[in-house]
N, C-alpha and C. Protein backbone atom coordinates (compact mmCIF):
# COMPACT_ATOMS: atom_id res chain seq x y z
N MET A 1 146.75 29.90 153.57
CA MET A 1 146.27 31.28 153.67
C MET A 1 144.78 31.24 154.00
N SER A 2 144.37 32.01 154.98
CA SER A 2 142.96 32.01 155.38
C SER A 2 142.12 32.80 154.40
N GLU A 3 140.81 32.54 154.45
CA GLU A 3 139.88 33.22 153.54
C GLU A 3 139.94 34.74 153.73
N MET A 4 140.09 35.19 154.96
CA MET A 4 140.11 36.63 155.23
C MET A 4 141.33 37.31 154.61
N GLN A 5 142.38 36.56 154.34
CA GLN A 5 143.60 37.17 153.81
C GLN A 5 143.59 37.25 152.29
N THR A 6 142.71 36.54 151.65
CA THR A 6 142.73 36.55 150.19
C THR A 6 142.16 37.85 149.65
N PRO A 7 142.72 38.38 148.57
CA PRO A 7 142.19 39.60 147.98
C PRO A 7 140.73 39.45 147.59
N GLN A 8 140.33 38.27 147.11
CA GLN A 8 138.95 38.06 146.69
C GLN A 8 138.00 38.24 147.87
N ALA A 9 138.37 37.73 149.03
CA ALA A 9 137.49 37.85 150.20
C ALA A 9 137.31 39.32 150.56
N ARG A 10 138.37 40.10 150.50
CA ARG A 10 138.24 41.52 150.81
C ARG A 10 137.39 42.23 149.76
N ASP A 11 137.55 41.87 148.50
CA ASP A 11 136.79 42.50 147.43
C ASP A 11 135.30 42.20 147.53
N ASP A 12 134.94 41.04 148.09
CA ASP A 12 133.53 40.69 148.22
C ASP A 12 132.78 41.68 149.09
N HIS A 13 133.46 42.34 150.01
CA HIS A 13 132.80 43.30 150.91
C HIS A 13 132.87 44.72 150.39
N ALA A 14 133.79 45.00 149.48
CA ALA A 14 133.99 46.36 148.98
C ALA A 14 132.76 46.97 148.32
N PRO A 15 131.96 46.23 147.54
CA PRO A 15 130.83 46.85 146.85
C PRO A 15 129.83 47.54 147.78
N ASP A 16 129.71 47.07 149.00
CA ASP A 16 128.75 47.68 149.91
C ASP A 16 129.21 49.05 150.41
N ASN A 17 130.46 49.41 150.14
CA ASN A 17 130.98 50.71 150.58
C ASN A 17 131.02 51.73 149.46
N ASP A 18 130.56 51.38 148.29
CA ASP A 18 130.55 52.26 147.12
C ASP A 18 129.15 52.16 146.52
N VAL A 19 128.43 53.28 146.47
CA VAL A 19 127.03 53.23 146.05
C VAL A 19 126.84 52.64 144.66
N VAL A 20 127.72 52.97 143.73
CA VAL A 20 127.57 52.47 142.38
C VAL A 20 127.79 50.95 142.35
N ALA A 21 128.86 50.48 142.99
CA ALA A 21 129.12 49.05 143.03
C ALA A 21 128.00 48.30 143.76
N LEU A 22 127.48 48.89 144.84
CA LEU A 22 126.38 48.29 145.59
C LEU A 22 125.15 48.10 144.71
N LEU A 23 124.78 49.15 143.98
CA LEU A 23 123.58 49.09 143.15
C LEU A 23 123.77 48.17 141.94
N VAL A 24 124.95 48.15 141.36
CA VAL A 24 125.22 47.23 140.25
C VAL A 24 125.17 45.79 140.74
N ARG A 25 125.70 45.52 141.94
CA ARG A 25 125.61 44.18 142.51
C ARG A 25 124.15 43.79 142.71
N GLN A 26 123.33 44.74 143.18
CA GLN A 26 121.92 44.45 143.36
C GLN A 26 121.23 44.16 142.02
N HIS A 27 121.66 44.85 140.97
CA HIS A 27 121.11 44.54 139.64
C HIS A 27 121.38 43.06 139.30
N GLY A 28 122.56 42.58 139.63
CA GLY A 28 122.87 41.17 139.42
C GLY A 28 122.00 40.26 140.28
N ASP A 29 121.79 40.65 141.54
CA ASP A 29 120.91 39.87 142.43
C ASP A 29 119.49 39.81 141.86
N ILE A 30 119.03 40.92 141.31
CA ILE A 30 117.69 40.97 140.72
C ILE A 30 117.61 40.02 139.52
N ARG A 31 118.62 40.04 138.66
CA ARG A 31 118.63 39.12 137.51
C ARG A 31 118.57 37.67 137.99
N ASN A 32 119.34 37.35 139.02
CA ASN A 32 119.35 35.99 139.56
C ASN A 32 117.99 35.60 140.12
N LEU A 33 117.32 36.53 140.79
CA LEU A 33 116.01 36.23 141.34
C LEU A 33 114.97 36.01 140.24
N PHE A 34 115.07 36.77 139.15
CA PHE A 34 114.18 36.50 138.01
C PHE A 34 114.37 35.06 137.53
N ASP A 35 115.64 34.63 137.41
CA ASP A 35 115.91 33.24 137.00
C ASP A 35 115.28 32.25 137.97
N GLU A 36 115.43 32.54 139.26
CA GLU A 36 114.91 31.64 140.28
C GLU A 36 113.38 31.54 140.22
N VAL A 37 112.71 32.69 140.06
CA VAL A 37 111.25 32.68 139.97
C VAL A 37 110.80 31.88 138.76
N GLU A 38 111.45 32.11 137.62
CA GLU A 38 111.05 31.43 136.39
C GLU A 38 111.25 29.92 136.50
N ALA A 39 112.34 29.49 137.13
CA ALA A 39 112.66 28.06 137.20
C ALA A 39 111.86 27.32 138.26
N ALA A 40 111.38 28.00 139.28
CA ALA A 40 110.70 27.34 140.40
C ALA A 40 109.23 27.09 140.07
N THR A 41 108.60 26.30 140.93
CA THR A 41 107.16 26.04 140.83
C THR A 41 106.56 26.07 142.23
N GLY A 42 105.24 26.18 142.28
CA GLY A 42 104.52 26.08 143.55
C GLY A 42 104.99 27.07 144.60
N GLU A 43 105.15 26.58 145.83
CA GLU A 43 105.53 27.43 146.96
C GLU A 43 106.93 28.03 146.77
N ALA A 44 107.83 27.29 146.16
CA ALA A 44 109.18 27.81 145.91
C ALA A 44 109.11 29.04 144.99
N ARG A 45 108.24 29.00 143.97
CA ARG A 45 108.08 30.16 143.08
C ARG A 45 107.49 31.34 143.85
N ARG A 46 106.47 31.06 144.68
CA ARG A 46 105.86 32.15 145.47
C ARG A 46 106.90 32.80 146.37
N ASP A 47 107.71 31.99 147.02
CA ASP A 47 108.75 32.52 147.91
C ASP A 47 109.77 33.35 147.13
N ALA A 48 110.24 32.82 146.02
CA ALA A 48 111.22 33.55 145.20
C ALA A 48 110.62 34.85 144.68
N PHE A 49 109.35 34.82 144.29
CA PHE A 49 108.71 36.04 143.79
C PHE A 49 108.58 37.08 144.91
N ARG A 50 108.23 36.64 146.12
CA ARG A 50 108.16 37.59 147.26
C ARG A 50 109.52 38.26 147.49
N ARG A 51 110.59 37.46 147.41
CA ARG A 51 111.93 38.03 147.59
C ARG A 51 112.28 38.99 146.46
N LEU A 52 111.87 38.64 145.23
CA LEU A 52 112.11 39.52 144.09
C LEU A 52 111.36 40.84 144.26
N VAL A 53 110.09 40.77 144.63
CA VAL A 53 109.30 41.99 144.84
C VAL A 53 109.96 42.86 145.89
N ARG A 54 110.33 42.28 147.00
CA ARG A 54 110.95 43.07 148.07
C ARG A 54 112.23 43.74 147.59
N LEU A 55 113.10 42.98 146.91
CA LEU A 55 114.36 43.57 146.44
C LEU A 55 114.11 44.68 145.44
N LEU A 56 113.19 44.46 144.49
CA LEU A 56 112.90 45.51 143.51
C LEU A 56 112.38 46.78 144.18
N VAL A 57 111.46 46.61 145.11
CA VAL A 57 110.84 47.78 145.76
C VAL A 57 111.85 48.53 146.61
N VAL A 58 112.62 47.82 147.43
CA VAL A 58 113.56 48.54 148.29
C VAL A 58 114.69 49.16 147.47
N HIS A 59 115.10 48.48 146.41
CA HIS A 59 116.16 49.00 145.53
C HIS A 59 115.71 50.31 144.87
N GLU A 60 114.51 50.30 144.30
CA GLU A 60 114.02 51.51 143.63
C GLU A 60 113.76 52.64 144.63
N THR A 61 113.25 52.31 145.80
CA THR A 61 113.02 53.34 146.81
C THR A 61 114.33 54.00 147.20
N ALA A 62 115.35 53.21 147.40
CA ALA A 62 116.66 53.76 147.76
C ALA A 62 117.20 54.65 146.64
N GLU A 63 117.03 54.22 145.40
CA GLU A 63 117.48 55.06 144.28
C GLU A 63 116.71 56.37 144.25
N GLU A 64 115.41 56.30 144.47
CA GLU A 64 114.58 57.51 144.42
C GLU A 64 114.94 58.49 145.53
N GLU A 65 115.34 57.98 146.68
CA GLU A 65 115.64 58.83 147.83
C GLU A 65 117.08 59.32 147.86
N VAL A 66 118.01 58.56 147.28
CA VAL A 66 119.44 58.89 147.41
C VAL A 66 120.08 59.20 146.06
N VAL A 67 119.96 58.28 145.12
CA VAL A 67 120.73 58.37 143.88
C VAL A 67 120.18 59.43 142.94
N HIS A 68 118.87 59.39 142.69
CA HIS A 68 118.29 60.35 141.75
C HIS A 68 118.47 61.81 142.19
N PRO A 69 118.25 62.14 143.46
CA PRO A 69 118.48 63.54 143.85
C PRO A 69 119.92 64.00 143.60
N PHE A 70 120.88 63.12 143.86
CA PHE A 70 122.28 63.48 143.59
C PHE A 70 122.50 63.64 142.09
N ALA A 71 121.98 62.71 141.29
CA ALA A 71 122.18 62.74 139.84
C ALA A 71 121.55 63.98 139.21
N ARG A 72 120.46 64.47 139.77
CA ARG A 72 119.82 65.68 139.23
C ARG A 72 120.75 66.89 139.29
N ARG A 73 121.68 66.89 140.22
CA ARG A 73 122.59 68.04 140.37
C ARG A 73 123.75 68.01 139.37
N ILE A 74 123.92 66.90 138.68
CA ILE A 74 124.97 66.77 137.68
C ILE A 74 124.46 67.41 136.39
N PRO A 75 125.30 68.18 135.66
CA PRO A 75 124.84 68.76 134.39
C PRO A 75 124.21 67.69 133.48
N GLY A 76 122.98 67.96 133.03
CA GLY A 76 122.24 67.03 132.20
C GLY A 76 121.49 65.98 133.00
N GLY A 77 121.65 66.01 134.30
CA GLY A 77 121.07 64.99 135.16
C GLY A 77 119.56 65.01 135.25
N GLU A 78 118.95 66.18 135.12
CA GLU A 78 117.48 66.27 135.22
C GLU A 78 116.81 65.33 134.23
N GLN A 79 117.22 65.38 132.96
CA GLN A 79 116.60 64.54 131.94
C GLN A 79 116.91 63.08 132.16
N VAL A 80 118.15 62.79 132.55
CA VAL A 80 118.53 61.40 132.82
C VAL A 80 117.63 60.81 133.90
N VAL A 81 117.44 61.56 134.98
CA VAL A 81 116.61 61.07 136.09
C VAL A 81 115.15 60.97 135.66
N ASP A 82 114.65 61.97 134.95
CA ASP A 82 113.25 61.92 134.50
C ASP A 82 113.00 60.67 133.65
N ASP A 83 113.95 60.34 132.77
CA ASP A 83 113.82 59.13 131.95
C ASP A 83 113.80 57.88 132.82
N ARG A 84 114.67 57.83 133.84
CA ARG A 84 114.71 56.66 134.73
C ARG A 84 113.41 56.54 135.52
N LEU A 85 112.84 57.66 135.94
CA LEU A 85 111.58 57.62 136.70
C LEU A 85 110.42 57.11 135.85
N LEU A 86 110.40 57.46 134.57
CA LEU A 86 109.36 56.92 133.68
C LEU A 86 109.50 55.41 133.56
N GLU A 87 110.74 54.94 133.43
CA GLU A 87 110.97 53.49 133.36
C GLU A 87 110.54 52.81 134.65
N GLU A 88 110.88 53.42 135.78
CA GLU A 88 110.53 52.85 137.08
C GLU A 88 109.01 52.77 137.25
N ARG A 89 108.32 53.79 136.82
CA ARG A 89 106.86 53.77 136.98
C ARG A 89 106.25 52.64 136.16
N ALA A 90 106.70 52.47 134.92
CA ALA A 90 106.17 51.39 134.08
C ALA A 90 106.45 50.04 134.72
N ALA A 91 107.65 49.85 135.25
CA ALA A 91 107.99 48.58 135.89
C ALA A 91 107.15 48.37 137.15
N LYS A 92 106.91 49.43 137.93
CA LYS A 92 106.09 49.29 139.14
C LYS A 92 104.65 48.91 138.79
N GLU A 93 104.14 49.45 137.69
CA GLU A 93 102.78 49.10 137.27
C GLU A 93 102.69 47.62 136.90
N THR A 94 103.67 47.13 136.16
CA THR A 94 103.71 45.71 135.80
C THR A 94 103.88 44.86 137.05
N LEU A 95 104.75 45.30 137.95
CA LEU A 95 104.99 44.56 139.19
C LEU A 95 103.72 44.51 140.05
N ALA A 96 103.01 45.62 140.14
CA ALA A 96 101.77 45.65 140.92
C ALA A 96 100.74 44.69 140.33
N ALA A 97 100.64 44.64 139.00
CA ALA A 97 99.71 43.71 138.35
C ALA A 97 100.13 42.27 138.62
N LEU A 98 101.41 41.99 138.55
CA LEU A 98 101.92 40.65 138.84
C LEU A 98 101.65 40.26 140.29
N ASP A 99 101.79 41.23 141.18
CA ASP A 99 101.61 40.98 142.60
C ASP A 99 100.17 40.55 142.91
N ASP A 100 99.24 40.92 142.02
CA ASP A 100 97.83 40.54 142.20
C ASP A 100 97.53 39.14 141.64
N LEU A 101 98.46 38.58 140.88
CA LEU A 101 98.26 37.25 140.30
C LEU A 101 98.86 36.18 141.20
N ASP A 102 98.27 34.99 141.16
CA ASP A 102 98.90 33.84 141.79
C ASP A 102 100.06 33.42 140.88
N THR A 103 101.14 32.97 141.45
CA THR A 103 102.30 32.60 140.64
C THR A 103 102.05 31.37 139.77
N ASP A 104 100.95 30.63 140.02
CA ASP A 104 100.58 29.50 139.18
C ASP A 104 99.64 29.90 138.04
N ASP A 105 99.19 31.15 138.03
CA ASP A 105 98.29 31.63 136.98
C ASP A 105 99.02 31.57 135.63
N PRO A 106 98.35 31.12 134.57
CA PRO A 106 98.99 31.05 133.25
C PRO A 106 99.49 32.41 132.74
N LYS A 107 98.91 33.50 133.24
CA LYS A 107 99.35 34.84 132.82
C LYS A 107 100.63 35.28 133.54
N PHE A 108 101.00 34.57 134.61
CA PHE A 108 102.10 35.03 135.45
C PHE A 108 103.44 35.07 134.71
N ILE A 109 103.85 33.96 134.11
CA ILE A 109 105.18 33.90 133.48
C ILE A 109 105.30 34.88 132.32
N PRO A 110 104.30 35.01 131.42
CA PRO A 110 104.44 36.03 130.37
C PRO A 110 104.59 37.44 130.93
N GLN A 111 103.83 37.77 131.97
CA GLN A 111 103.97 39.11 132.58
C GLN A 111 105.31 39.24 133.30
N LEU A 112 105.77 38.16 133.92
CA LEU A 112 107.08 38.18 134.57
C LEU A 112 108.17 38.47 133.54
N MET A 113 108.07 37.84 132.36
CA MET A 113 109.08 38.05 131.31
C MET A 113 109.05 39.50 130.81
N GLN A 114 107.85 40.10 130.73
CA GLN A 114 107.76 41.51 130.34
C GLN A 114 108.42 42.39 131.41
N LEU A 115 108.14 42.08 132.67
CA LEU A 115 108.77 42.83 133.76
C LEU A 115 110.29 42.68 133.70
N ARG A 116 110.73 41.47 133.47
CA ARG A 116 112.17 41.22 133.40
C ARG A 116 112.81 42.08 132.32
N THR A 117 112.21 42.11 131.15
CA THR A 117 112.73 42.93 130.05
C THR A 117 112.79 44.39 130.46
N ASP A 118 111.70 44.90 131.03
CA ASP A 118 111.64 46.31 131.45
C ASP A 118 112.70 46.61 132.51
N VAL A 119 112.83 45.74 133.48
CA VAL A 119 113.79 45.95 134.57
C VAL A 119 115.22 45.90 134.05
N GLN A 120 115.51 44.96 133.16
CA GLN A 120 116.88 44.86 132.63
C GLN A 120 117.24 46.07 131.77
N GLU A 121 116.29 46.55 130.96
CA GLU A 121 116.56 47.75 130.16
C GLU A 121 116.78 48.95 131.07
N HIS A 122 115.97 49.06 132.12
CA HIS A 122 116.11 50.14 133.09
C HIS A 122 117.48 50.07 133.79
N ALA A 123 117.87 48.88 134.22
CA ALA A 123 119.16 48.72 134.90
C ALA A 123 120.31 49.11 133.98
N ARG A 124 120.26 48.69 132.72
CA ARG A 124 121.32 49.06 131.76
C ARG A 124 121.38 50.58 131.58
N ALA A 125 120.22 51.22 131.49
CA ALA A 125 120.19 52.67 131.34
C ALA A 125 120.75 53.37 132.58
N GLU A 126 120.39 52.87 133.76
CA GLU A 126 120.95 53.45 134.99
C GLU A 126 122.47 53.34 134.99
N GLU A 127 122.96 52.14 134.70
CA GLU A 127 124.40 51.92 134.75
C GLU A 127 125.13 52.78 133.73
N ARG A 128 124.54 52.92 132.55
CA ARG A 128 125.19 53.67 131.48
C ARG A 128 125.06 55.19 131.65
N TYR A 129 123.86 55.67 131.95
CA TYR A 129 123.61 57.11 131.92
C TYR A 129 123.65 57.77 133.29
N GLU A 130 123.34 57.04 134.33
CA GLU A 130 123.27 57.67 135.64
C GLU A 130 124.48 57.31 136.50
N PHE A 131 124.75 56.03 136.66
CA PHE A 131 125.81 55.61 137.57
C PHE A 131 127.18 56.07 137.09
N THR A 132 127.44 56.00 135.79
CA THR A 132 128.72 56.44 135.24
C THR A 132 128.97 57.90 135.57
N HIS A 133 127.95 58.73 135.42
CA HIS A 133 128.11 60.15 135.69
C HIS A 133 128.25 60.42 137.18
N ILE A 134 127.59 59.65 138.00
CA ILE A 134 127.75 59.81 139.45
C ILE A 134 129.19 59.50 139.84
N ARG A 135 129.72 58.41 139.34
CA ARG A 135 131.10 58.03 139.69
C ARG A 135 132.08 59.11 139.25
N ARG A 136 131.85 59.70 138.09
CA ARG A 136 132.75 60.75 137.59
C ARG A 136 132.59 62.06 138.34
N SER A 137 131.45 62.26 138.99
CA SER A 137 131.14 63.56 139.58
C SER A 137 131.34 63.63 141.08
N THR A 138 131.89 62.61 141.68
CA THR A 138 132.05 62.63 143.12
C THR A 138 133.31 61.88 143.52
N ASP A 139 133.56 61.84 144.82
CA ASP A 139 134.76 61.17 145.32
C ASP A 139 134.37 59.96 146.16
N VAL A 140 135.39 59.25 146.63
CA VAL A 140 135.18 58.02 147.39
C VAL A 140 134.37 58.29 148.66
N THR A 141 134.63 59.40 149.32
CA THR A 141 133.91 59.72 150.54
C THR A 141 132.42 59.86 150.29
N GLN A 142 132.06 60.56 149.21
CA GLN A 142 130.64 60.74 148.88
C GLN A 142 130.01 59.43 148.42
N LEU A 143 130.74 58.63 147.65
CA LEU A 143 130.22 57.33 147.22
C LEU A 143 129.95 56.43 148.43
N THR A 144 130.82 56.51 149.43
CA THR A 144 130.63 55.72 150.65
C THR A 144 129.43 56.24 151.44
N ALA A 145 129.31 57.55 151.56
CA ALA A 145 128.17 58.13 152.28
C ALA A 145 126.86 57.77 151.59
N MET A 146 126.87 57.82 150.27
CA MET A 146 125.66 57.46 149.52
C MET A 146 125.33 55.98 149.70
N ALA A 147 126.34 55.12 149.78
CA ALA A 147 126.09 53.69 150.01
C ALA A 147 125.43 53.50 151.37
N ARG A 148 125.91 54.20 152.40
CA ARG A 148 125.28 54.12 153.72
C ARG A 148 123.84 54.59 153.65
N ALA A 149 123.60 55.67 152.92
CA ALA A 149 122.24 56.21 152.80
C ALA A 149 121.32 55.24 152.05
N VAL A 150 121.84 54.59 151.01
CA VAL A 150 121.04 53.60 150.28
C VAL A 150 120.66 52.46 151.21
N LYS A 151 121.60 51.98 152.00
CA LYS A 151 121.30 50.89 152.95
C LYS A 151 120.26 51.33 153.97
N ALA A 152 120.34 52.58 154.43
CA ALA A 152 119.36 53.10 155.39
C ALA A 152 117.99 53.19 154.73
N ALA A 153 117.95 53.67 153.50
CA ALA A 153 116.67 53.78 152.78
C ALA A 153 116.07 52.40 152.56
N GLU A 154 116.91 51.44 152.20
CA GLU A 154 116.41 50.09 151.97
C GLU A 154 115.85 49.47 153.24
N ALA A 155 116.45 49.79 154.37
CA ALA A 155 115.96 49.24 155.64
C ALA A 155 114.57 49.76 155.98
N MET A 156 114.21 50.95 155.48
CA MET A 156 112.93 51.57 155.81
C MET A 156 111.92 51.48 154.67
N ALA A 157 112.32 50.96 153.53
CA ALA A 157 111.49 51.02 152.33
C ALA A 157 110.24 50.15 152.44
N PRO A 158 109.16 50.54 151.71
CA PRO A 158 107.98 49.67 151.64
C PRO A 158 108.35 48.37 150.95
N THR A 159 107.57 47.33 151.21
CA THR A 159 107.89 46.03 150.64
C THR A 159 106.94 45.64 149.52
N ARG A 160 106.05 46.56 149.11
CA ARG A 160 105.12 46.30 148.02
C ARG A 160 105.22 47.45 147.03
N PRO A 161 104.96 47.19 145.74
CA PRO A 161 105.08 48.25 144.74
C PRO A 161 103.98 49.29 144.88
N HIS A 162 104.35 50.55 144.68
CA HIS A 162 103.40 51.66 144.71
C HIS A 162 103.60 52.52 143.47
N PRO A 163 102.98 52.13 142.32
CA PRO A 163 103.12 52.93 141.11
C PRO A 163 102.66 54.36 141.35
N GLY A 164 103.40 55.29 140.79
CA GLY A 164 103.04 56.70 140.96
C GLY A 164 103.77 57.33 142.12
N VAL A 165 104.55 56.56 142.86
CA VAL A 165 105.31 57.10 143.98
C VAL A 165 106.79 57.06 143.60
N GLU A 166 107.13 57.86 142.59
CA GLU A 166 108.51 57.92 142.13
C GLU A 166 109.18 59.20 142.58
N SER A 167 108.52 59.95 143.44
CA SER A 167 109.12 61.19 143.95
C SER A 167 108.57 61.50 145.31
N GLY A 168 109.28 62.36 146.02
CA GLY A 168 108.82 62.76 147.33
C GLY A 168 107.47 63.44 147.29
N MET A 169 107.18 64.22 146.26
CA MET A 169 105.89 64.93 146.16
C MET A 169 104.72 63.96 146.07
N ALA A 170 104.90 62.88 145.35
CA ALA A 170 103.81 61.91 145.22
C ALA A 170 103.51 61.22 146.53
N ASN A 171 104.49 61.19 147.43
CA ASN A 171 104.30 60.52 148.71
C ASN A 171 103.34 61.27 149.62
N ILE A 172 103.17 62.55 149.42
CA ILE A 172 102.38 63.37 150.33
C ILE A 172 100.95 62.86 150.46
N ALA A 173 100.38 62.36 149.39
CA ALA A 173 98.98 61.95 149.40
C ALA A 173 98.76 60.53 149.90
N LEU A 174 99.80 59.85 150.32
CA LEU A 174 99.66 58.43 150.61
C LEU A 174 99.48 58.07 152.07
N GLY A 175 99.36 59.02 152.97
CA GLY A 175 99.10 58.70 154.36
C GLY A 175 100.17 57.83 154.98
N PRO A 176 99.85 56.56 155.34
CA PRO A 176 100.83 55.70 155.99
C PRO A 176 102.10 55.50 155.18
N VAL A 177 101.95 55.41 153.85
CA VAL A 177 103.16 55.26 153.02
C VAL A 177 104.00 56.53 153.12
N ALA A 178 103.36 57.69 153.17
CA ALA A 178 104.10 58.94 153.31
C ALA A 178 104.86 58.97 154.62
N ALA A 179 104.24 58.49 155.68
CA ALA A 179 104.92 58.44 156.97
C ALA A 179 106.16 57.54 156.89
N LEU A 180 106.01 56.40 156.20
CA LEU A 180 107.14 55.51 156.02
C LEU A 180 108.24 56.19 155.22
N MET A 181 107.83 56.92 154.18
CA MET A 181 108.82 57.62 153.37
C MET A 181 109.52 58.71 154.17
N ASP A 182 108.78 59.39 155.05
CA ASP A 182 109.42 60.38 155.92
C ASP A 182 110.48 59.73 156.79
N ARG A 183 110.16 58.55 157.34
CA ARG A 183 111.15 57.84 158.16
C ARG A 183 112.34 57.43 157.30
N THR A 184 112.07 57.04 156.05
CA THR A 184 113.15 56.67 155.14
C THR A 184 114.05 57.87 154.89
N LYS A 185 113.43 59.02 154.60
CA LYS A 185 114.22 60.23 154.36
C LYS A 185 115.04 60.61 155.58
N ASP A 186 114.45 60.48 156.78
CA ASP A 186 115.20 60.77 158.01
C ASP A 186 116.39 59.82 158.15
N ALA A 187 116.16 58.55 157.85
CA ALA A 187 117.25 57.58 157.93
C ALA A 187 118.35 57.91 156.92
N VAL A 188 117.95 58.34 155.72
CA VAL A 188 118.93 58.74 154.70
C VAL A 188 119.73 59.94 155.19
N ARG A 189 119.04 60.96 155.71
CA ARG A 189 119.75 62.16 156.20
C ARG A 189 120.72 61.80 157.31
N ASN A 190 120.29 60.94 158.23
CA ASN A 190 121.18 60.52 159.32
C ASN A 190 122.38 59.77 158.78
N ALA A 191 122.16 58.87 157.82
CA ALA A 191 123.26 58.11 157.24
C ALA A 191 124.24 59.00 156.49
N MET A 192 123.71 60.08 155.90
CA MET A 192 124.56 61.02 155.14
C MET A 192 125.20 62.05 156.06
N GLY A 193 124.89 61.98 157.37
CA GLY A 193 125.45 62.94 158.31
C GLY A 193 124.81 64.30 158.25
N LYS A 194 123.56 64.36 157.76
CA LYS A 194 122.87 65.65 157.61
C LYS A 194 121.68 65.74 158.56
N GLY A 195 121.60 64.82 159.53
CA GLY A 195 120.46 64.75 160.44
C GLY A 195 120.49 65.77 161.47
């Protein structure tokens, strides 16, 4: 039996077509990258950290542009999203401070471990309080459309942390970053079929 015929091979591609499964898979990728950064040294650590920063930033940008706006429309969603945005801002601040350190700096690993704790707590809260309600409040078609929009947002997202940019309103004052966010929003609208 070929690899393409096995149920497991088909399931490996399914998460990218469902926004919740896609984001949960990315949470796993983020956990793995934290492990990789911690275990590596020298240039390998710098490379792994750059990949971690990029994944964290594009993941959060996509959530801010696609997932949170949808979740706000669910009863009780305003508070759930506001709580997630506070967590995201704290993590972005730690990430920005880490981004200013060399990965060989003695302060790097302790700050990385603090970031890891913050990110893991945030991911658990998203999965429990936000993603569960999204899955219950929509259908397969909307979950698929949201997955396309998340991928579009990630393709356009900034690659460095910007604390304080957890909403569209905060983007207005950022000049070039705001322009990038506008392109991200346009890509999201096009992916959602609202362009």
